[in-house]
Amino acid sequence: MSRTKPWQVSDELWEHVRPVIPARGAHPKGGRPAQDDRRMFEAIVYVLRTGIQWNALPRELAAPSTAYDRFRLWEKQGVFERLWAAGLEAFDEVEGIEWEWQSLDGTQIKAPFGGGATGANPVERRKRGTKRSQLSEGHGLPLAVVLAAANRTDMTVAAVTLDAIVIARPQPDEAHPQHLSLDAGYDYKRTLAEVKARGYQEHVRPNWWNRNHSHRATPEQLAHAAERQPGKRSRRWVVERLHAWLNHTRRLLIRWDKLPSCYLAFLCLANALICFQQAVRFQTQVRPLAA
């Protein structure tokens, strides 16, 4: 069996990418024509998938400096964020975005070179790190992402993450409510008030230490929290799976970029690829015939 090459860009994917890239005009002083956009995009995806340094990019793919310059240009032009929005729209046409159940979660990423949006990571002996706050819809597709210092708690970046959705969010109403699944790190009055102010119905795992201010959860409280209720099923695991999907792209495992905008651009690109992959998956899966 031949090895897979996840950095290769199919013709179908390129048809989605090409419209979001601004047209490049001729250089006023002439000179050699710019490198092909598709070739540059494939080189950027190669860096994202493999996690290599820009200087280690194989010459047969592209010149490292040229690929990096094109990456920075597209990052400033918002190409990767628009591509992410296009991926969500493509999935919406195939399966439909499940706005009814959304999930919010954060994770810490090592950032050994420091830079903006980094801080002392409490789970890595206070080494430099960055927090990745992620919102997903019911299938686990990314709706929003925000970077913050690793020592920022989940509750402090919850509101800004909910406000960072890259496509238009439908207004919830009684007929079409929107639920938000949260873990105990968001169980604070101020955070839950911000969630409610945005039209969500919160579903949060209780933070017994925060609620009682005097003792940790008793065995009875833990048993009640873990008790499965009839007619209800787990919802929040999809955002944790999203973190796992993102960690398949080695460039995101450790933040080597000092500029948070560069790391965020890679995140947007990874989110876009996930959306397009899931759109193809749902489009090609065999569905049962209606009775």
C-alpha atoms as a PDB file:
ATOM      1  CA  MET A   1       0.000   0.000   0.000  1.00  0.00           C
ATOM      2  CA  SER A   2       1.384   3.403  -0.967  1.00  0.00           C
ATOM      3  CA  ARG A   3       1.914   5.996   1.743  1.00  0.00           C
ATOM      4  CA  THR A   4      -0.643   8.765   1.994  1.00  0.00           C
ATOM      5  CA  LYS A   5       0.427  12.346   1.371  1.00  0.00           C
ATOM      6  CA  PRO A   6      -1.969  14.555   3.362  1.00  0.00           C
ATOM      7  CA  TRP A   7      -0.330  17.758   2.102  1.00  0.00           C
ATOM      8  CA  GLN A   8      -1.406  17.143  -1.484  1.00  0.00           C
ATOM      9  CA  VAL A   9      -4.167  19.461  -2.713  1.00  0.00           C
ATOM     10  CA  SER A  10      -6.860  17.835  -4.832  1.00  0.00           C
ATOM     11  CA  ASP A  11      -8.524  19.558  -7.762  1.00  0.00           C
ATOM     12  CA  GLU A  12     -11.785  19.585  -5.803  1.00  0.00           C
ATOM     13  CA  LEU A  13     -10.177  21.347  -2.829  1.00  0.00           C
ATOM     14  CA  TRP A  14      -8.390  23.833  -5.060  1.00  0.00           C
ATOM     15  CA  GLU A  15     -11.702  24.867  -6.598  1.00  0.00           C
ATOM     16  CA  HIS A  16     -12.717  26.038  -3.114  1.00  0.00           C
ATOM     17  CA  VAL A  17      -9.373  27.711  -2.412  1.00  0.00           C
ATOM     18  CA  ARG A  18      -8.934  29.648  -5.653  1.00  0.00           C
ATOM     19  CA  PRO A  19     -11.912  32.070  -5.218  1.00  0.00           C
ATOM     20  CA  VAL A  20     -10.760  33.288  -1.762  1.00  0.00           C
ATOM     21  CA  ILE A  21      -7.279  34.321  -2.990  1.00  0.00           C
ATOM     22  CA  PRO A  22      -7.167  37.955  -4.195  1.00  0.00           C
ATOM     23  CA  ALA A  23      -5.962  38.532  -7.748  1.00  0.00           C
ATOM     24  CA  ARG A  24      -2.354  39.653  -8.026  1.00  0.00           C
ATOM     25  CA  GLY A  25      -1.665  42.577 -10.316  1.00  0.00           C
ATOM     26  CA  ALA A  26       1.463  42.930 -12.418  1.00  0.00           C
ATOM     27  CA  HIS A  27       4.481  44.415 -10.658  1.00  0.00           C
ATOM     28  CA  PRO A  28       4.955  48.033 -11.753  1.00  0.00           C
ATOM     29  CA  LYS A  29       8.690  47.492 -12.330  1.00  0.00           C
ATOM     30  CA  GLY A  30       8.230  44.272 -14.260  1.00  0.00           C
ATOM     31  CA  GLY A  31      10.449  41.323 -13.405  1.00  0.00           C
ATOM     32  CA  ARG A  32       9.683  37.651 -13.186  1.00  0.00           C
ATOM     33  CA  PRO A  33       6.038  36.608 -12.781  1.00  0.00           C
ATOM     34  CA  ALA A  34       4.863  35.558  -9.322  1.00  0.00           C
ATOM     35  CA  GLN A  35       4.929  31.887  -8.392  1.00  0.00           C
ATOM     36  CA  ASP A  36       1.755  29.910  -9.045  1.00  0.00           C
ATOM     37  CA  ASP A  37      -0.816  30.255  -6.250  1.00  0.00           C
ATOM     38  CA  ARG A  38      -1.625  26.543  -6.167  1.00  0.00           C
ATOM     39  CA  ARG A  39       2.019  25.608  -5.805  1.00  0.00           C
ATOM     40  CA  MET A  40       2.433  28.084  -2.959  1.00  0.00           C
ATOM     41  CA  PHE A  41      -0.702  26.787  -1.246  1.00  0.00           C
ATOM     42  CA  GLU A  42       0.543  23.204  -1.468  1.00  0.00           C
ATOM     43  CA  ALA A  43       3.857  24.271   0.080  1.00  0.00           C
ATOM     44  CA  ILE A  44       2.024  25.977   2.974  1.00  0.00           C
ATOM     45  CA  VAL A  45      -0.132  22.885   3.559  1.00  0.00           C
ATOM     46  CA  TYR A  46       3.074  20.803   3.556  1.00  0.00           C
ATOM     47  CA  VAL A  47       4.512  22.959   6.355  1.00  0.00           C
ATOM     48  CA  LEU A  48       1.224  22.712   8.267  1.00  0.00           C
ATOM     49  CA  ARG A  49       0.989  18.930   7.977  1.00  0.00           C
ATOM     50  CA  THR A  50       4.629  18.020   8.598  1.00  0.00           C
ATOM     51  CA  GLY A  51       5.562  20.756  11.066  1.00  0.00           C
ATOM     52  CA  ILE A  52       8.958  21.405   9.466  1.00  0.00           C
ATOM     53  CA  GLN A  53      10.768  24.734   9.550  1.00  0.00           C
ATOM     54  CA  TRP A  54      10.298  27.024   6.593  1.00  0.00           C
ATOM     55  CA  ASN A  55      14.006  26.736   5.740  1.00  0.00           C
ATOM     56  CA  ALA A  56      13.646  22.948   5.539  1.00  0.00           C
ATOM     57  CA  LEU A  57      10.929  23.099   2.883  1.00  0.00           C
ATOM     58  CA  PRO A  58      11.992  20.876  -0.058  1.00  0.00           C
ATOM     59  CA  ARG A  59      13.056  22.941  -3.051  1.00  0.00           C
ATOM     60  CA  GLU A  60      10.984  20.802  -5.397  1.00  0.00           C
ATOM     61  CA  LEU A  61       7.880  22.162  -3.652  1.00  0.00           C
ATOM     62  CA  ALA A  62       8.894  25.819  -3.475  1.00  0.00           C
ATOM     63  CA  ALA A  63      11.632  28.184  -2.421  1.00  0.00           C
ATOM     64  CA  PRO A  64      11.280  28.576   1.387  1.00  0.00           C
ATOM     65  CA  SER A  65      11.472  32.380   1.349  1.00  0.00           C
ATOM     66  CA  THR A  66       8.907  32.628  -1.460  1.00  0.00           C
ATOM     67  CA  ALA A  67       6.462  30.286   0.283  1.00  0.00           C
ATOM     68  CA  TYR A  68       6.871  32.146   3.584  1.00  0.00           C
ATOM     69  CA  ASP A  69       6.337  35.531   1.940  1.00  0.00           C
ATOM     70  CA  ARG A  70       3.179  34.256   0.274  1.00  0.00           C
ATOM     71  CA  PHE A  71       1.970  32.819   3.599  1.00  0.00           C
ATOM     72  CA  ARG A  72       2.460  36.190   5.323  1.00  0.00           C
ATOM     73  CA  LEU A  73       0.730  37.997   2.453  1.00  0.00           C
ATOM     74  CA  TRP A  74      -2.292  35.716   2.606  1.00  0.00           C
ATOM     75  CA  GLU A  75      -2.335  35.908   6.393  1.00  0.00           C
ATOM     76  CA  LYS A  76      -2.562  39.706   6.221  1.00  0.00           C
ATOM     77  CA  GLN A  77      -5.240  39.495   3.504  1.00  0.00           C
ATOM     78  CA  GLY A  78      -7.396  37.147   5.618  1.00  0.00           C
ATOM     79  CA  VAL A  79      -7.280  34.343   3.056  1.00  0.00           C
ATOM     80  CA  PHE A  80      -7.143  31.514   5.600  1.00  0.00           C
ATOM     81  CA  GLU A  81     -10.056  32.820   7.661  1.00  0.00           C
ATOM     82  CA  ARG A  82     -12.181  33.230   4.510  1.00  0.00           C
ATOM     83  CA  LEU A  83     -11.238  29.692   3.468  1.00  0.00           C
ATOM     84  CA  TRP A  84     -12.381  28.418   6.881  1.00  0.00           C
ATOM     85  CA  ALA A  85     -15.725  30.195   6.433  1.00  0.00           C
ATOM     86  CA  ALA A  86     -16.015  28.681   2.938  1.00  0.00           C
ATOM     87  CA  GLY A  87     -15.413  25.227   4.442  1.00  0.00           C
ATOM     88  CA  LEU A  88     -18.225  25.711   6.940  1.00  0.00           C
ATOM     89  CA  GLU A  89     -20.539  26.869   4.172  1.00  0.00           C
ATOM     90  CA  ALA A  90     -19.630  23.813   2.079  1.00  0.00           C
ATOM     91  CA  PHE A  91     -20.461  21.525   5.001  1.00  0.00           C
ATOM     92  CA  ASP A  92     -23.687  23.442   5.616  1.00  0.00           C
ATOM     93  CA  GLU A  93     -24.797  22.727   2.050  1.00  0.00           C
ATOM     94  CA  VAL A  94     -24.026  19.006   2.369  1.00  0.00           C
ATOM     95  CA  GLU A  95     -25.161  18.160   5.901  1.00  0.00           C
ATOM     96  CA  GLY A  96     -26.133  21.352   7.678  1.00  0.00           C
ATOM     97  CA  ILE A  97     -24.363  22.991  10.603  1.00  0.00           C
ATOM     98  CA  GLU A  98     -25.855  21.843  13.908  1.00  0.00           C
ATOM     99  CA  TRP A  99     -26.293  25.122  15.744  1.00  0.00           C
ATOM    100  CA  GLU A 100     -28.601  23.546  18.326  1.00  0.00           C
ATOM    101  CA  TRP A 101     -25.747  21.978  20.330  1.00  0.00           C
ATOM    102  CA  GLN A 102     -22.416  23.777  20.572  1.00  0.00           C
ATOM    103  CA  SER A 103     -19.418  23.055  22.800  1.00  0.00           C
ATOM    104  CA  LEU A 104     -16.677  25.267  24.205  1.00  0.00           C
ATOM    105  CA  ASP A 105     -13.298  24.154  25.513  1.00  0.00           C
ATOM    106  CA  GLY A 106      -9.705  25.318  25.867  1.00  0.00           C
ATOM    107  CA  THR A 107      -6.326  23.627  25.753  1.00  0.00           C
ATOM    108  CA  GLN A 108      -2.734  24.730  26.433  1.00  0.00           C
ATOM    109  CA  ILE A 109      -0.019  24.563  23.772  1.00  0.00           C
ATOM    110  CA  LYS A 110       3.731  24.838  24.358  1.00  0.00           C
ATOM    111  CA  ALA A 111       5.312  28.033  23.021  1.00  0.00           C
ATOM    112  CA  PRO A 112       9.067  27.753  23.695  1.00  0.00           C
ATOM    113  CA  PHE A 113       9.949  30.909  21.713  1.00  0.00           C
ATOM    114  CA  GLY A 114       7.375  33.054  23.520  1.00  0.00           C
ATOM    115  CA  GLY A 115       5.821  35.985  21.694  1.00  0.00           C
ATOM    116  CA  GLY A 116       2.398  37.561  21.920  1.00  0.00           C
ATOM    117  CA  ALA A 117      -0.511  35.713  23.555  1.00  0.00           C
ATOM    118  CA  THR A 118       1.828  33.539  25.657  1.00  0.00           C
ATOM    119  CA  GLY A 119       2.293  33.139  29.397  1.00  0.00           C
ATOM    120  CA  ALA A 120       3.416  30.783  32.135  1.00  0.00           C
ATOM    121  CA  ASN A 121       1.752  27.431  31.467  1.00  0.00           C
ATOM    122  CA  PRO A 122       0.364  26.070  34.771  1.00  0.00           C
ATOM    123  CA  VAL A 123       0.471  22.468  33.516  1.00  0.00           C
ATOM    124  CA  GLU A 124       4.032  22.672  32.120  1.00  0.00           C
ATOM    125  CA  ARG A 125       6.009  23.886  35.156  1.00  0.00           C
ATOM    126  CA  ARG A 126       5.248  27.477  34.168  1.00  0.00           C
ATOM    127  CA  LYS A 127       7.081  27.265  30.854  1.00  0.00           C
ATOM    128  CA  ARG A 128       5.898  29.561  28.086  1.00  0.00           C
ATOM    129  CA  GLY A 129       2.632  28.477  26.515  1.00  0.00           C
ATOM    130  CA  THR A 130      -0.495  29.680  24.753  1.00  0.00           C
ATOM    131  CA  LYS A 131      -4.154  28.808  25.278  1.00  0.00           C
ATOM    132  CA  ARG A 132      -6.324  27.747  22.354  1.00  0.00           C
ATOM    133  CA  SER A 133      -9.999  28.404  23.082  1.00  0.00           C
ATOM    134  CA  GLN A 134     -12.243  26.599  20.599  1.00  0.00           C
ATOM    135  CA  LEU A 135     -15.984  26.581  19.884  1.00  0.00           C
ATOM    136  CA  SER A 136     -17.506  23.713  17.885  1.00  0.00           C
ATOM    137  CA  GLU A 137     -20.933  22.928  16.505  1.00  0.00           C
ATOM    138  CA  GLY A 138     -22.823  19.669  17.094  1.00  0.00           C
ATOM    139  CA  HIS A 139     -20.748  17.589  14.651  1.00  0.00           C
ATOM    140  CA  GLY A 140     -17.492  18.892  16.096  1.00  0.00           C
ATOM    141  CA  LEU A 141     -16.641  21.326  13.303  1.00  0.00           C
ATOM    142  CA  PRO A 142     -14.826  24.507  14.422  1.00  0.00           C
ATOM    143  CA  LEU A 143     -16.872  27.691  14.603  1.00  0.00           C
ATOM    144  CA  ALA A 144     -14.441  29.993  16.427  1.00  0.00           C
ATOM    145  CA  VAL A 145     -10.917  30.020  17.839  1.00  0.00           C
ATOM    146  CA  VAL A 146      -9.124  32.519  20.066  1.00  0.00           C
ATOM    147  CA  LEU A 147      -5.532  32.609  21.305  1.00  0.00           C
ATOM    148  CA  ALA A 148      -4.600  33.795  24.786  1.00  0.00           C
ATOM    149  CA  ALA A 149      -1.801  33.372  27.292  1.00  0.00           C
ATOM    150  CA  ALA A 150      -1.615  29.896  28.813  1.00  0.00           C
ATOM    151  CA  ASN A 151      -2.168  31.284  32.316  1.00  0.00           C
ATOM    152  CA  ARG A 152      -5.545  32.732  31.332  1.00  0.00           C
ATOM    153  CA  THR A 153      -8.423  30.634  32.648  1.00  0.00           C
ATOM    154  CA  ASP A 154     -11.133  29.284  30.359  1.00  0.00           C
ATOM    155  CA  MET A 155     -13.749  31.545  31.915  1.00  0.00           C
ATOM    156  CA  THR A 156     -11.841  34.725  30.983  1.00  0.00           C
ATOM    157  CA  VAL A 157     -11.823  33.941  27.240  1.00  0.00           C
ATOM    158  CA  ALA A 158     -15.290  32.400  26.955  1.00  0.00           C
ATOM    159  CA  ALA A 159     -17.132  35.548  25.855  1.00  0.00           C
ATOM    160  CA  VAL A 160     -14.551  36.616  23.270  1.00  0.00           C
ATOM    161  CA  THR A 161     -14.566  33.095  21.803  1.00  0.00           C
ATOM    162  CA  LEU A 162     -18.351  33.106  21.448  1.00  0.00           C
ATOM    163  CA  ASP A 163     -18.072  36.456  19.652  1.00  0.00           C
ATOM    164  CA  ALA A 164     -15.428  35.161  17.208  1.00  0.00           C
ATOM    165  CA  ILE A 165     -17.610  32.851  15.069  1.00  0.00           C
ATOM    166  CA  VAL A 166     -16.347  33.170  11.478  1.00  0.00           C
ATOM    167  CA  ILE A 167     -19.762  32.865   9.795  1.00  0.00           C
ATOM    168  CA  ALA A 168     -23.138  34.420  10.537  1.00  0.00           C
ATOM    169  CA  ARG A 169     -24.753  32.769  13.524  1.00  0.00           C
ATOM    170  CA  PRO A 170     -28.555  32.358  13.277  1.00  0.00           C
ATOM    171  CA  GLN A 171     -30.518  34.064  16.008  1.00  0.00           C
ATOM    172  CA  PRO A 172     -31.864  31.512  18.514  1.00  0.00           C
ATOM    173  CA  ASP A 173     -35.558  31.487  19.407  1.00  0.00           C
ATOM    174  CA  GLU A 174     -38.049  29.191  21.140  1.00  0.00           C
ATOM    175  CA  ALA A 175     -38.453  27.033  18.047  1.00  0.00           C
ATOM    176  CA  HIS A 176     -34.700  26.874  17.392  1.00  0.00           C
ATOM    177  CA  PRO A 177     -32.828  27.090  20.723  1.00  0.00           C
ATOM    178  CA  GLN A 178     -29.055  26.958  20.957  1.00  0.00           C
ATOM    179  CA  HIS A 179     -27.433  24.977  23.764  1.00  0.00           C
ATOM    180  CA  LEU A 180     -23.835  25.354  24.932  1.00  0.00           C
ATOM    181  CA  SER A 181     -22.011  22.493  26.658  1.00  0.00           C
ATOM    182  CA  LEU A 182     -19.353  23.553  29.168  1.00  0.00           C
ATOM    183  CA  ASP A 183     -17.087  21.893  31.689  1.00  0.00           C
ATOM    184  CA  ALA A 184     -16.513  22.924  35.309  1.00  0.00           C
ATOM    185  CA  GLY A 185     -13.961  25.558  34.323  1.00  0.00           C
ATOM    186  CA  TYR A 186     -16.809  27.782  33.100  1.00  0.00           C
ATOM    187  CA  ASP A 187     -19.030  27.373  36.169  1.00  0.00           C
ATOM    188  CA  TYR A 188     -18.861  30.983  37.355  1.00  0.00           C
ATOM    189  CA  LYS A 189     -21.730  33.445  37.635  1.00  0.00           C
ATOM    190  CA  ARG A 190     -20.084  36.080  35.452  1.00  0.00           C
ATOM    191  CA  THR A 191     -19.256  33.588  32.689  1.00  0.00           C
ATOM    192  CA  LEU A 192     -22.693  31.995  32.694  1.00  0.00           C
ATOM    193  CA  ALA A 193     -24.298  35.454  32.589  1.00  0.00           C
ATOM    194  CA  GLU A 194     -22.252  36.250  29.454  1.00  0.00           C
ATOM    195  CA  VAL A 195     -23.356  32.946  27.921  1.00  0.00           C
ATOM    196  CA  LYS A 196     -27.021  33.690  28.605  1.00  0.00           C
ATOM    197  CA  ALA A 197     -26.661  37.246  27.268  1.00  0.00           C
ATOM    198  CA  ARG A 198     -25.713  35.742  23.890  1.00  0.00           C
ATOM    199  CA  GLY A 199     -28.875  33.655  23.718  1.00  0.00           C
ATOM    200  CA  TYR A 200     -27.429  30.303  24.772  1.00  0.00           C
ATOM    201  CA  GLN A 201     -28.919  27.774  27.163  1.00  0.00           C
ATOM    202  CA  GLU A 202     -25.923  26.679  29.209  1.00  0.00           C
ATOM    203  CA  HIS A 203     -25.226  23.081  30.243  1.00  0.00           C
ATOM    204  CA  VAL A 204     -22.301  23.135  32.638  1.00  0.00           C
ATOM    205  CA  ARG A 205     -20.695  20.477  34.786  1.00  0.00           C
ATOM    206  CA  PRO A 206     -20.855  21.806  38.384  1.00  0.00           C
ATOM    207  CA  ASN A 207     -17.708  23.204  39.957  1.00  0.00           C
ATOM    208  CA  TRP A 208     -18.357  22.125  43.531  1.00  0.00           C
ATOM    209  CA  TRP A 209     -15.301  23.891  44.943  1.00  0.00           C
ATOM    210  CA  ASN A 210     -16.410  27.187  43.397  1.00  0.00           C
ATOM    211  CA  ARG A 211     -20.017  26.743  44.524  1.00  0.00           C
ATOM    212  CA  ASN A 212     -19.276  25.815  48.131  1.00  0.00           C
ATOM    213  CA  HIS A 213     -16.107  27.905  48.739  1.00  0.00           C
ATOM    214  CA  SER A 214     -15.256  25.576  51.617  1.00  0.00           C
ATOM    215  CA  HIS A 215     -14.757  21.984  50.543  1.00  0.00           C
ATOM    216  CA  ARG A 216     -14.277  19.786  47.555  1.00  0.00           C
ATOM    217  CA  ALA A 217     -17.048  17.679  46.110  1.00  0.00           C
ATOM    218  CA  THR A 218     -18.404  14.974  48.374  1.00  0.00           C
ATOM    219  CA  PRO A 219     -18.735  11.397  47.065  1.00  0.00           C
ATOM    220  CA  GLU A 220     -22.494  11.958  46.821  1.00  0.00           C
ATOM    221  CA  GLN A 221     -22.003  15.069  44.722  1.00  0.00           C
ATOM    222  CA  LEU A 222     -19.565  13.317  42.420  1.00  0.00           C
ATOM    223  CA  ALA A 223     -21.965  10.405  42.004  1.00  0.00           C
ATOM    224  CA  HIS A 224     -24.789  12.812  41.143  1.00  0.00           C
ATOM    225  CA  ALA A 225     -22.629  14.638  38.587  1.00  0.00           C
ATOM    226  CA  ALA A 226     -21.658  11.362  36.903  1.00  0.00           C
ATOM    227  CA  GLU A 227     -25.183   9.950  36.912  1.00  0.00           C
ATOM    228  CA  ARG A 228     -26.627   9.436  33.443  1.00  0.00           C
ATOM    229  CA  GLN A 229     -30.081  10.869  32.984  1.00  0.00           C
ATOM    230  CA  PRO A 230     -32.624   9.092  30.761  1.00  0.00           C
ATOM    231  CA  GLY A 231     -33.098  10.701  27.368  1.00  0.00           C
ATOM    232  CA  LYS A 232     -29.836  12.640  27.526  1.00  0.00           C
ATOM    233  CA  ARG A 233     -26.514  11.863  25.876  1.00  0.00           C
ATOM    234  CA  SER A 234     -22.979  13.200  25.959  1.00  0.00           C
ATOM    235  CA  ARG A 235     -22.498  16.325  23.867  1.00  0.00           C
ATOM    236  CA  ARG A 236     -19.241  18.028  24.819  1.00  0.00           C
ATOM    237  CA  TRP A 237     -16.870  15.297  23.641  1.00  0.00           C
ATOM    238  CA  VAL A 238     -16.998  16.604  20.059  1.00  0.00           C
ATOM    239  CA  VAL A 239     -14.919  19.683  20.957  1.00  0.00           C
ATOM    240  CA  GLU A 240     -12.316  17.440  22.601  1.00  0.00           C
ATOM    241  CA  ARG A 241     -12.211  15.378  19.407  1.00  0.00           C
ATOM    242  CA  LEU A 242     -11.694  18.630  17.511  1.00  0.00           C
ATOM    243  CA  HIS A 243      -8.557  19.264  19.567  1.00  0.00           C
ATOM    244  CA  ALA A 244      -7.360  15.785  18.547  1.00  0.00           C
ATOM    245  CA  TRP A 245      -8.084  16.508  14.872  1.00  0.00           C
ATOM    246  CA  LEU A 246      -6.050  19.712  15.081  1.00  0.00           C
ATOM    247  CA  ASN A 247      -3.160  17.903  16.752  1.00  0.00           C
ATOM    248  CA  HIS A 248      -2.892  15.670  13.671  1.00  0.00           C
ATOM    249  CA  THR A 249      -1.319  18.711  11.998  1.00  0.00           C
ATOM    250  CA  ARG A 250       2.167  18.761  13.464  1.00  0.00           C
ATOM    251  CA  ARG A 251       2.671  22.509  13.007  1.00  0.00           C
ATOM    252  CA  LEU A 252       0.015  23.080  15.686  1.00  0.00           C
ATOM    253  CA  LEU A 253       1.351  20.655  18.318  1.00  0.00           C
ATOM    254  CA  ILE A 254       3.919  23.201  19.483  1.00  0.00           C
ATOM    255  CA  ARG A 255       3.705  26.897  18.713  1.00  0.00           C
ATOM    256  CA  TRP A 256       7.020  27.808  17.100  1.00  0.00           C
ATOM    257  CA  ASP A 257       5.721  31.106  15.717  1.00  0.00           C
ATOM    258  CA  LYS A 258       6.499  34.165  17.833  1.00  0.00           C
ATOM    259  CA  LEU A 259       3.771  36.119  16.057  1.00  0.00           C
ATOM    260  CA  PRO A 260       0.323  34.983  17.252  1.00  0.00           C
ATOM    261  CA  SER A 261      -1.113  36.005  13.866  1.00  0.00           C
ATOM    262  CA  CYS A 262       1.023  33.362  12.119  1.00  0.00           C
ATOM    263  CA  TYR A 263      -0.017  30.576  14.480  1.00  0.00           C
ATOM    264  CA  LEU A 264      -3.638  31.712  14.179  1.00  0.00           C
ATOM    265  CA  ALA A 265      -3.350  31.626  10.369  1.00  0.00           C
ATOM    266  CA  PHE A 266      -2.183  28.003  10.540  1.00  0.00           C
ATOM    267  CA  LEU A 267      -5.113  27.271  12.859  1.00  0.00           C
ATOM    268  CA  CYS A 268      -7.584  28.799  10.416  1.00  0.00           C
ATOM    269  CA  LEU A 269      -6.100  26.746   7.582  1.00  0.00           C
ATOM    270  CA  ALA A 270      -6.319  23.535   9.623  1.00  0.00           C
ATOM    271  CA  ASN A 271      -9.927  24.336  10.546  1.00  0.00           C
ATOM    272  CA  ALA A 272     -10.738  24.898   6.865  1.00  0.00           C
ATOM    273  CA  LEU A 273      -9.238  21.552   5.845  1.00  0.00           C
ATOM    274  CA  ILE A 274     -11.238  19.781   8.562  1.00  0.00           C
ATOM    275  CA  CYS A 275     -14.474  21.354   7.308  1.00  0.00           C
ATOM    276  CA  PHE A 276     -13.834  20.360   3.687  1.00  0.00           C
ATOM    277  CA  GLN A 277     -12.827  16.825   4.703  1.00  0.00           C
ATOM    278  CA  GLN A 278     -15.993  16.368   6.737  1.00  0.00           C
ATOM    279  CA  ALA A 279     -18.116  17.773   3.899  1.00  0.00           C
ATOM    280  CA  VAL A 280     -16.686  15.121   1.558  1.00  0.00           C
ATOM    281  CA  ARG A 281     -17.173  12.435   4.202  1.00  0.00           C
ATOM    282  CA  PHE A 282     -20.855  13.219   4.722  1.00  0.00           C
ATOM    283  CA  GLN A 283     -21.414  13.623   0.994  1.00  0.00           C
ATOM    284  CA  THR A 284     -20.013  10.195   0.151  1.00  0.00           C
ATOM    285  CA  GLN A 285     -21.346   8.165   3.063  1.00  0.00           C
ATOM    286  CA  VAL A 286     -24.163   5.698   2.342  1.00  0.00           C
ATOM    287  CA  ARG A 287     -27.462   6.871   3.788  1.00  0.00           C
ATOM    288  CA  PRO A 288     -30.389   4.529   4.534  1.00  0.00           C
ATOM    289  CA  LEU A 289     -33.300   4.717   2.133  1.00  0.00           C
ATOM    290  CA  ALA A 290     -36.442   6.330   3.471  1.00  0.00           C
ATOM    291  CA  ALA A 291     -39.273   3.896   4.177  1.00  0.00           C
END
